[in-house]
Amino acid sequence: MEQETKELRRVGLKVTHPRMRILQIFDEEGVQHLTAEDVYKKLLAHQEDIGLATVYRVLTQFEAAGIIVKHNFEGGQAVYELDRGKHHDHMIDVDSGKVIEFVSEEIERLQHEIAAKHGYVIEDHSLVLYVRPKQRAPRKS
């Protein structure tokens, strides 16, 4: 609880019960991507009297403060994750919507090489692969 309080104060946000509880939910989940509705359902499960509008407002504040990152993956709702400061890419299972994080030094190296080949330096990037489990993937002729 003390860590969450320090984090909120560090980014200039007042320590309020809704902010603390929402931050705790992301801390409890570890590496996970949650929609605003997921957060709201978890609050309800803990009998917290925090409305969905408050959840959206707090998530927007957290995003602006750099506490969480918002992703808008194709074909789905926005999902949020704690900004742990470490770069990673994502795979989205198109059947289940499951989000899988991965890190590949080889992909990172290739991206930098391609940018350099074209006379550019990468400032930032996002890589999302939309995948299907091999056993259900349609065969190509």
N, C-alpha and C. Protein backbone atom coordinates (compact mmCIF):
# COMPACT_ATOMS: atom_id res chain seq x y z
N MET A 1 0.83 -1.19 0.00
CA MET A 1 0.00 0.00 0.00
C MET A 1 0.87 1.25 0.00
N GLU A 2 1.98 1.17 0.71
CA GLU A 2 2.89 2.31 0.78
C GLU A 2 3.51 2.61 -0.58
N GLN A 3 3.82 1.54 -1.34
CA GLN A 3 4.39 1.70 -2.67
C GLN A 3 3.43 2.44 -3.59
N GLU A 4 2.14 2.07 -3.54
CA GLU A 4 1.14 2.72 -4.38
C GLU A 4 1.01 4.20 -4.03
N THR A 5 1.04 4.50 -2.72
CA THR A 5 0.95 5.88 -2.26
C THR A 5 2.12 6.70 -2.80
N LYS A 6 3.31 6.14 -2.72
CA LYS A 6 4.51 6.83 -3.23
C LYS A 6 4.41 7.07 -4.72
N GLU A 7 3.91 6.06 -5.46
CA GLU A 7 3.79 6.16 -6.91
C GLU A 7 2.83 7.28 -7.29
N LEU A 8 1.69 7.35 -6.62
CA LEU A 8 0.72 8.41 -6.93
C LEU A 8 1.29 9.79 -6.62
N ARG A 9 1.94 9.92 -5.49
CA ARG A 9 2.53 11.23 -5.12
C ARG A 9 3.66 11.61 -6.08
N ARG A 10 4.43 10.62 -6.50
CA ARG A 10 5.56 10.88 -7.41
C ARG A 10 5.08 11.54 -8.70
N VAL A 11 3.91 11.13 -9.20
CA VAL A 11 3.40 11.68 -10.46
C VAL A 11 2.45 12.85 -10.24
N GLY A 12 2.33 13.30 -8.99
CA GLY A 12 1.54 14.49 -8.71
C GLY A 12 0.05 14.26 -8.57
N LEU A 13 -0.36 13.02 -8.33
CA LEU A 13 -1.79 12.73 -8.14
C LEU A 13 -2.09 12.61 -6.65
N LYS A 14 -3.23 13.14 -6.27
CA LYS A 14 -3.69 13.04 -4.90
C LYS A 14 -4.02 11.57 -4.60
N VAL A 15 -3.72 11.14 -3.40
CA VAL A 15 -3.99 9.77 -3.00
C VAL A 15 -5.47 9.69 -2.60
N THR A 16 -6.26 8.99 -3.44
CA THR A 16 -7.68 8.79 -3.15
C THR A 16 -7.96 7.29 -3.12
N HIS A 17 -9.06 6.93 -2.49
CA HIS A 17 -9.41 5.50 -2.41
C HIS A 17 -9.56 4.86 -3.81
N PRO A 18 -10.30 5.48 -4.74
CA PRO A 18 -10.41 4.86 -6.07
C PRO A 18 -9.06 4.68 -6.76
N ARG A 19 -8.21 5.68 -6.70
CA ARG A 19 -6.88 5.56 -7.33
C ARG A 19 -6.07 4.44 -6.70
N MET A 20 -6.10 4.36 -5.38
CA MET A 20 -5.34 3.32 -4.68
C MET A 20 -5.84 1.93 -5.06
N ARG A 21 -7.16 1.74 -5.04
CA ARG A 21 -7.71 0.42 -5.34
C ARG A 21 -7.42 0.00 -6.78
N ILE A 22 -7.56 0.93 -7.72
CA ILE A 22 -7.32 0.59 -9.13
C ILE A 22 -5.85 0.26 -9.34
N LEU A 23 -4.96 1.02 -8.74
CA LEU A 23 -3.53 0.73 -8.84
C LEU A 23 -3.21 -0.62 -8.21
N GLN A 24 -3.84 -0.94 -7.10
CA GLN A 24 -3.62 -2.23 -6.45
C GLN A 24 -4.08 -3.39 -7.33
N ILE A 25 -5.18 -3.19 -8.06
CA ILE A 25 -5.66 -4.24 -8.96
C ILE A 25 -4.61 -4.55 -10.02
N PHE A 26 -4.00 -3.51 -10.59
CA PHE A 26 -2.96 -3.75 -11.59
C PHE A 26 -1.73 -4.39 -10.95
N ASP A 27 -1.39 -4.00 -9.73
CA ASP A 27 -0.25 -4.61 -9.03
C ASP A 27 -0.53 -6.08 -8.72
N GLU A 28 -1.75 -6.39 -8.30
CA GLU A 28 -2.13 -7.77 -7.97
C GLU A 28 -2.05 -8.68 -9.18
N GLU A 29 -2.40 -8.16 -10.33
CA GLU A 29 -2.50 -8.98 -11.53
C GLU A 29 -1.14 -9.31 -12.14
N GLY A 30 -0.11 -8.59 -11.75
CA GLY A 30 1.19 -8.82 -12.36
C GLY A 30 1.16 -8.33 -13.80
N VAL A 31 1.76 -9.08 -14.69
CA VAL A 31 1.78 -8.69 -16.10
C VAL A 31 0.46 -9.12 -16.72
N GLN A 32 -0.42 -8.16 -16.90
CA GLN A 32 -1.72 -8.49 -17.46
C GLN A 32 -2.30 -7.25 -18.12
N HIS A 33 -3.15 -7.49 -19.07
CA HIS A 33 -3.83 -6.43 -19.79
C HIS A 33 -5.30 -6.45 -19.40
N LEU A 34 -5.79 -5.36 -18.88
CA LEU A 34 -7.15 -5.29 -18.39
C LEU A 34 -7.92 -4.19 -19.10
N THR A 35 -9.19 -4.45 -19.41
CA THR A 35 -10.06 -3.39 -19.92
C THR A 35 -10.60 -2.62 -18.71
N ALA A 36 -11.19 -1.48 -18.98
CA ALA A 36 -11.82 -0.71 -17.90
C ALA A 36 -12.92 -1.56 -17.25
N GLU A 37 -13.65 -2.32 -18.06
CA GLU A 37 -14.70 -3.17 -17.54
C GLU A 37 -14.13 -4.29 -16.66
N ASP A 38 -12.97 -4.84 -17.03
CA ASP A 38 -12.30 -5.84 -16.18
C ASP A 38 -11.99 -5.26 -14.81
N VAL A 39 -11.45 -4.04 -14.80
CA VAL A 39 -11.10 -3.37 -13.55
C VAL A 39 -12.37 -3.17 -12.72
N TYR A 40 -13.42 -2.69 -13.36
CA TYR A 40 -14.70 -2.45 -12.69
C TYR A 40 -15.25 -3.74 -12.07
N LYS A 41 -15.20 -4.84 -12.81
CA LYS A 41 -15.71 -6.12 -12.30
C LYS A 41 -14.90 -6.59 -11.09
N LYS A 42 -13.59 -6.38 -11.13
CA LYS A 42 -12.75 -6.76 -9.99
C LYS A 42 -13.09 -5.91 -8.77
N LEU A 43 -13.37 -4.63 -8.99
CA LEU A 43 -13.78 -3.77 -7.88
C LEU A 43 -15.10 -4.25 -7.28
N LEU A 44 -16.05 -4.60 -8.15
CA LEU A 44 -17.34 -5.11 -7.68
C LEU A 44 -17.16 -6.40 -6.89
N ALA A 45 -16.26 -7.27 -7.36
CA ALA A 45 -16.01 -8.54 -6.68
C ALA A 45 -15.45 -8.32 -5.27
N HIS A 46 -14.77 -7.19 -5.07
CA HIS A 46 -14.23 -6.83 -3.75
C HIS A 46 -15.19 -5.91 -3.00
N GLN A 47 -16.42 -5.80 -3.49
CA GLN A 47 -17.46 -4.95 -2.90
C GLN A 47 -17.03 -3.50 -2.75
N GLU A 48 -16.32 -3.01 -3.74
CA GLU A 48 -15.91 -1.60 -3.75
C GLU A 48 -17.00 -0.79 -4.43
N ASP A 49 -17.33 0.35 -3.86
CA ASP A 49 -18.36 1.23 -4.42
C ASP A 49 -17.70 2.30 -5.29
N ILE A 50 -17.14 1.85 -6.41
CA ILE A 50 -16.45 2.74 -7.35
C ILE A 50 -17.10 2.51 -8.71
N GLY A 51 -17.66 3.57 -9.28
CA GLY A 51 -18.40 3.45 -10.53
C GLY A 51 -17.51 3.30 -11.76
N LEU A 52 -18.12 2.84 -12.85
CA LEU A 52 -17.39 2.65 -14.10
C LEU A 52 -16.85 3.97 -14.64
N ALA A 53 -17.61 5.05 -14.51
CA ALA A 53 -17.13 6.36 -14.97
C ALA A 53 -15.87 6.77 -14.21
N THR A 54 -15.83 6.47 -12.92
CA THR A 54 -14.63 6.77 -12.12
C THR A 54 -13.45 5.93 -12.58
N VAL A 55 -13.71 4.67 -12.91
CA VAL A 55 -12.65 3.79 -13.41
C VAL A 55 -12.05 4.39 -14.68
N TYR A 56 -12.89 4.79 -15.63
CA TYR A 56 -12.39 5.40 -16.87
C TYR A 56 -11.59 6.68 -16.58
N ARG A 57 -12.10 7.50 -15.69
CA ARG A 57 -11.42 8.77 -15.36
C ARG A 57 -10.04 8.50 -14.74
N VAL A 58 -9.98 7.55 -13.80
CA VAL A 58 -8.71 7.23 -13.15
C VAL A 58 -7.73 6.62 -14.16
N LEU A 59 -8.21 5.73 -15.03
CA LEU A 59 -7.32 5.14 -16.04
C LEU A 59 -6.76 6.22 -16.97
N THR A 60 -7.58 7.19 -17.34
CA THR A 60 -7.10 8.30 -18.18
C THR A 60 -6.05 9.11 -17.44
N GLN A 61 -6.26 9.36 -16.16
CA GLN A 61 -5.28 10.10 -15.35
C GLN A 61 -3.98 9.30 -15.23
N PHE A 62 -4.10 8.00 -15.01
CA PHE A 62 -2.92 7.15 -14.90
C PHE A 62 -2.14 7.12 -16.21
N GLU A 63 -2.85 7.08 -17.31
CA GLU A 63 -2.19 7.07 -18.62
C GLU A 63 -1.44 8.38 -18.84
N ALA A 64 -2.08 9.50 -18.54
CA ALA A 64 -1.44 10.81 -18.70
C ALA A 64 -0.23 10.96 -17.80
N ALA A 65 -0.27 10.31 -16.64
CA ALA A 65 0.84 10.40 -15.68
C ALA A 65 1.94 9.39 -15.96
N GLY A 66 1.72 8.48 -16.93
CA GLY A 66 2.74 7.49 -17.27
C GLY A 66 2.77 6.28 -16.36
N ILE A 67 1.71 6.07 -15.58
CA ILE A 67 1.64 4.91 -14.70
C ILE A 67 1.21 3.67 -15.48
N ILE A 68 0.28 3.86 -16.41
CA ILE A 68 -0.19 2.76 -17.23
C ILE A 68 -0.07 3.12 -18.70
N VAL A 69 -0.12 2.10 -19.54
CA VAL A 69 -0.08 2.27 -20.99
C VAL A 69 -1.40 1.73 -21.53
N LYS A 70 -1.99 2.47 -22.46
CA LYS A 70 -3.24 2.06 -23.09
C LYS A 70 -2.93 1.51 -24.47
N HIS A 71 -3.50 0.36 -24.78
CA HIS A 71 -3.35 -0.24 -26.10
C HIS A 71 -4.72 -0.35 -26.76
N ASN A 72 -4.79 -0.02 -28.03
CA ASN A 72 -6.01 -0.18 -28.80
C ASN A 72 -5.73 -1.21 -29.88
N PHE A 73 -5.85 -2.48 -29.51
CA PHE A 73 -5.62 -3.55 -30.46
C PHE A 73 -6.83 -3.65 -31.39
N GLU A 74 -6.59 -4.08 -32.63
CA GLU A 74 -7.66 -4.20 -33.62
C GLU A 74 -8.76 -5.12 -33.13
N GLY A 75 -9.99 -4.72 -33.43
CA GLY A 75 -11.13 -5.59 -33.17
C GLY A 75 -11.46 -5.79 -31.71
N GLY A 76 -10.95 -4.95 -30.84
CA GLY A 76 -11.25 -5.14 -29.43
C GLY A 76 -11.28 -3.82 -28.67
N GLN A 77 -11.57 -3.94 -27.40
CA GLN A 77 -11.61 -2.78 -26.53
C GLN A 77 -10.19 -2.35 -26.18
N ALA A 78 -10.09 -1.14 -25.68
CA ALA A 78 -8.80 -0.67 -25.18
C ALA A 78 -8.43 -1.50 -23.95
N VAL A 79 -7.16 -1.87 -23.87
CA VAL A 79 -6.65 -2.57 -22.69
C VAL A 79 -5.52 -1.75 -22.10
N TYR A 80 -5.34 -1.91 -20.80
CA TYR A 80 -4.35 -1.15 -20.06
C TYR A 80 -3.40 -2.11 -19.36
N GLU A 81 -2.15 -1.65 -19.21
CA GLU A 81 -1.17 -2.41 -18.45
C GLU A 81 -0.26 -1.43 -17.73
N LEU A 82 0.32 -1.88 -16.61
CA LEU A 82 1.27 -1.03 -15.90
C LEU A 82 2.46 -0.74 -16.80
N ASP A 83 2.94 0.49 -16.76
CA ASP A 83 4.14 0.85 -17.52
C ASP A 83 5.35 0.49 -16.66
N ARG A 84 5.93 -0.64 -16.95
CA ARG A 84 7.08 -1.11 -16.17
C ARG A 84 8.41 -0.62 -16.73
N GLY A 85 8.34 0.19 -17.79
CA GLY A 85 9.54 0.79 -18.35
C GLY A 85 10.36 -0.12 -19.25
N LYS A 86 9.95 -1.35 -19.42
CA LYS A 86 10.69 -2.29 -20.26
C LYS A 86 9.91 -2.50 -21.56
N HIS A 87 10.60 -2.34 -22.68
CA HIS A 87 9.94 -2.52 -23.97
C HIS A 87 9.61 -3.98 -24.21
N HIS A 88 8.43 -4.20 -24.76
CA HIS A 88 8.02 -5.54 -25.18
C HIS A 88 7.01 -5.38 -26.31
N ASP A 89 6.81 -6.45 -27.03
CA ASP A 89 5.84 -6.47 -28.12
C ASP A 89 4.69 -7.40 -27.73
N HIS A 90 3.67 -7.45 -28.59
CA HIS A 90 2.48 -8.21 -28.25
C HIS A 90 2.06 -9.13 -29.39
N MET A 91 1.47 -10.25 -29.00
CA MET A 91 0.75 -11.13 -29.91
C MET A 91 -0.69 -11.19 -29.38
N ILE A 92 -1.65 -11.14 -30.30
CA ILE A 92 -3.06 -11.23 -29.93
C ILE A 92 -3.63 -12.49 -30.55
N ASP A 93 -4.14 -13.40 -29.73
CA ASP A 93 -4.80 -14.60 -30.23
C ASP A 93 -6.15 -14.14 -30.79
N VAL A 94 -6.33 -14.27 -32.11
CA VAL A 94 -7.53 -13.76 -32.77
C VAL A 94 -8.78 -14.55 -32.39
N ASP A 95 -8.63 -15.77 -31.87
CA ASP A 95 -9.79 -16.56 -31.45
C ASP A 95 -10.25 -16.19 -30.05
N SER A 96 -9.30 -16.06 -29.13
CA SER A 96 -9.66 -15.84 -27.72
C SER A 96 -9.51 -14.39 -27.27
N GLY A 97 -8.72 -13.60 -28.02
CA GLY A 97 -8.44 -12.24 -27.58
C GLY A 97 -7.31 -12.15 -26.57
N LYS A 98 -6.73 -13.29 -26.23
CA LYS A 98 -5.63 -13.33 -25.25
C LYS A 98 -4.46 -12.50 -25.76
N VAL A 99 -3.84 -11.73 -24.85
CA VAL A 99 -2.68 -10.90 -25.18
C VAL A 99 -1.44 -11.59 -24.61
N ILE A 100 -0.46 -11.82 -25.48
CA ILE A 100 0.80 -12.47 -25.08
C ILE A 100 1.92 -11.46 -25.29
N GLU A 101 2.69 -11.22 -24.25
CA GLU A 101 3.84 -10.32 -24.37
C GLU A 101 5.08 -11.13 -24.72
N PHE A 102 5.96 -10.53 -25.52
CA PHE A 102 7.23 -11.18 -25.82
C PHE A 102 8.30 -10.14 -26.09
N VAL A 103 9.54 -10.58 -25.96
CA VAL A 103 10.70 -9.75 -26.25
C VAL A 103 11.59 -10.54 -27.20
N SER A 104 12.02 -9.91 -28.29
CA SER A 104 12.92 -10.56 -29.23
C SER A 104 14.02 -9.58 -29.62
N GLU A 105 15.22 -9.87 -29.18
CA GLU A 105 16.36 -9.03 -29.53
C GLU A 105 16.60 -9.05 -31.04
N GLU A 106 16.32 -10.18 -31.68
CA GLU A 106 16.51 -10.29 -33.12
C GLU A 106 15.56 -9.35 -33.87
N ILE A 107 14.30 -9.32 -33.47
CA ILE A 107 13.34 -8.41 -34.10
C ILE A 107 13.74 -6.97 -33.87
N GLU A 108 14.16 -6.65 -32.66
CA GLU A 108 14.58 -5.28 -32.35
C GLU A 108 15.76 -4.87 -33.25
N ARG A 109 16.74 -5.78 -33.37
CA ARG A 109 17.92 -5.49 -34.20
C ARG A 109 17.51 -5.26 -35.66
N LEU A 110 16.65 -6.13 -36.17
CA LEU A 110 16.20 -6.00 -37.57
C LEU A 110 15.46 -4.69 -37.80
N GLN A 111 14.64 -4.28 -36.88
CA GLN A 111 13.91 -3.02 -37.03
C GLN A 111 14.88 -1.84 -37.13
N HIS A 112 15.89 -1.84 -36.28
CA HIS A 112 16.89 -0.76 -36.31
C HIS A 112 17.69 -0.79 -37.62
N GLU A 113 18.04 -2.00 -38.07
CA GLU A 113 18.76 -2.13 -39.34
C GLU A 113 17.93 -1.62 -40.50
N ILE A 114 16.65 -1.95 -40.54
CA ILE A 114 15.77 -1.51 -41.62
C ILE A 114 15.63 0.02 -41.62
N ALA A 115 15.42 0.58 -40.44
CA ALA A 115 15.30 2.04 -40.34
C ALA A 115 16.59 2.71 -40.81
N ALA A 116 17.74 2.19 -40.38
CA ALA A 116 19.03 2.77 -40.76
C ALA A 116 19.26 2.66 -42.27
N LYS A 117 18.88 1.52 -42.85
CA LYS A 117 19.02 1.31 -44.28
C LYS A 117 18.26 2.37 -45.08
N HIS A 118 17.16 2.84 -44.52
CA HIS A 118 16.35 3.86 -45.18
C HIS A 118 16.68 5.28 -44.70
N GLY A 119 17.74 5.40 -43.89
CA GLY A 119 18.19 6.71 -43.44
C GLY A 119 17.45 7.25 -42.23
N TYR A 120 16.91 6.37 -41.41
CA TYR A 120 16.15 6.81 -40.24
C TYR A 120 16.67 6.18 -38.97
N VAL A 121 16.29 6.79 -37.85
CA VAL A 121 16.54 6.25 -36.52
C VAL A 121 15.18 6.06 -35.87
N ILE A 122 14.95 4.94 -35.26
CA ILE A 122 13.66 4.67 -34.61
C ILE A 122 13.55 5.50 -33.34
N GLU A 123 12.47 6.24 -33.24
CA GLU A 123 12.17 7.01 -32.02
C GLU A 123 11.34 6.17 -31.06
N ASP A 124 10.39 5.44 -31.62
CA ASP A 124 9.51 4.59 -30.84
C ASP A 124 8.84 3.64 -31.81
N HIS A 125 8.33 2.55 -31.31
CA HIS A 125 7.58 1.65 -32.19
C HIS A 125 6.69 0.74 -31.37
N SER A 126 5.77 0.12 -32.08
CA SER A 126 4.86 -0.84 -31.48
C SER A 126 4.69 -1.97 -32.48
N LEU A 127 4.85 -3.18 -32.01
CA LEU A 127 4.68 -4.35 -32.87
C LEU A 127 3.60 -5.23 -32.27
N VAL A 128 2.57 -5.50 -33.06
CA VAL A 128 1.49 -6.37 -32.63
C VAL A 128 1.30 -7.43 -33.70
N LEU A 129 1.40 -8.69 -33.31
CA LEU A 129 1.17 -9.81 -34.21
C LEU A 129 -0.18 -10.42 -33.87
N TYR A 130 -1.02 -10.60 -34.87
CA TYR A 130 -2.32 -11.23 -34.67
C TYR A 130 -2.15 -12.69 -35.05
N VAL A 131 -2.35 -13.59 -34.09
CA VAL A 131 -1.98 -14.99 -34.26
C VAL A 131 -3.16 -15.92 -33.98
N ARG A 132 -2.99 -17.15 -34.43
CA ARG A 132 -3.96 -18.22 -34.17
C ARG A 132 -3.13 -19.45 -33.79
N PRO A 133 -3.59 -20.24 -32.82
CA PRO A 133 -2.85 -21.46 -32.46
C PRO A 133 -2.63 -22.34 -33.69
N LYS A 134 -1.46 -22.95 -33.79
CA LYS A 134 -1.10 -23.76 -34.95
C LYS A 134 -2.11 -24.84 -35.27
N GLN A 135 -2.65 -25.52 -34.28
CA GLN A 135 -3.57 -26.61 -34.55
C GLN A 135 -4.87 -26.14 -35.18
N ARG A 136 -5.20 -24.83 -35.08
CA ARG A 136 -6.43 -24.31 -35.67
C ARG A 136 -6.17 -23.39 -36.85
N ALA A 137 -4.91 -23.19 -37.16
CA ALA A 137 -4.58 -22.28 -38.27
C ALA A 137 -5.00 -22.92 -39.58
N PRO A 138 -5.65 -22.14 -40.47
CA PRO A 138 -6.04 -22.71 -41.77
C PRO A 138 -4.78 -23.02 -42.59
N ARG A 139 -4.84 -24.11 -43.33
CA ARG A 139 -3.70 -24.51 -44.17
C ARG A 139 -3.69 -23.67 -45.45
N LYS A 140 -2.48 -23.32 -45.87
CA LYS A 140 -2.32 -22.57 -47.11
C LYS A 140 -2.03 -23.55 -48.24
N SER A 141 -2.62 -23.32 -49.37
CA SER A 141 -2.43 -24.22 -50.53
C SER A 141 -1.14 -23.96 -51.23
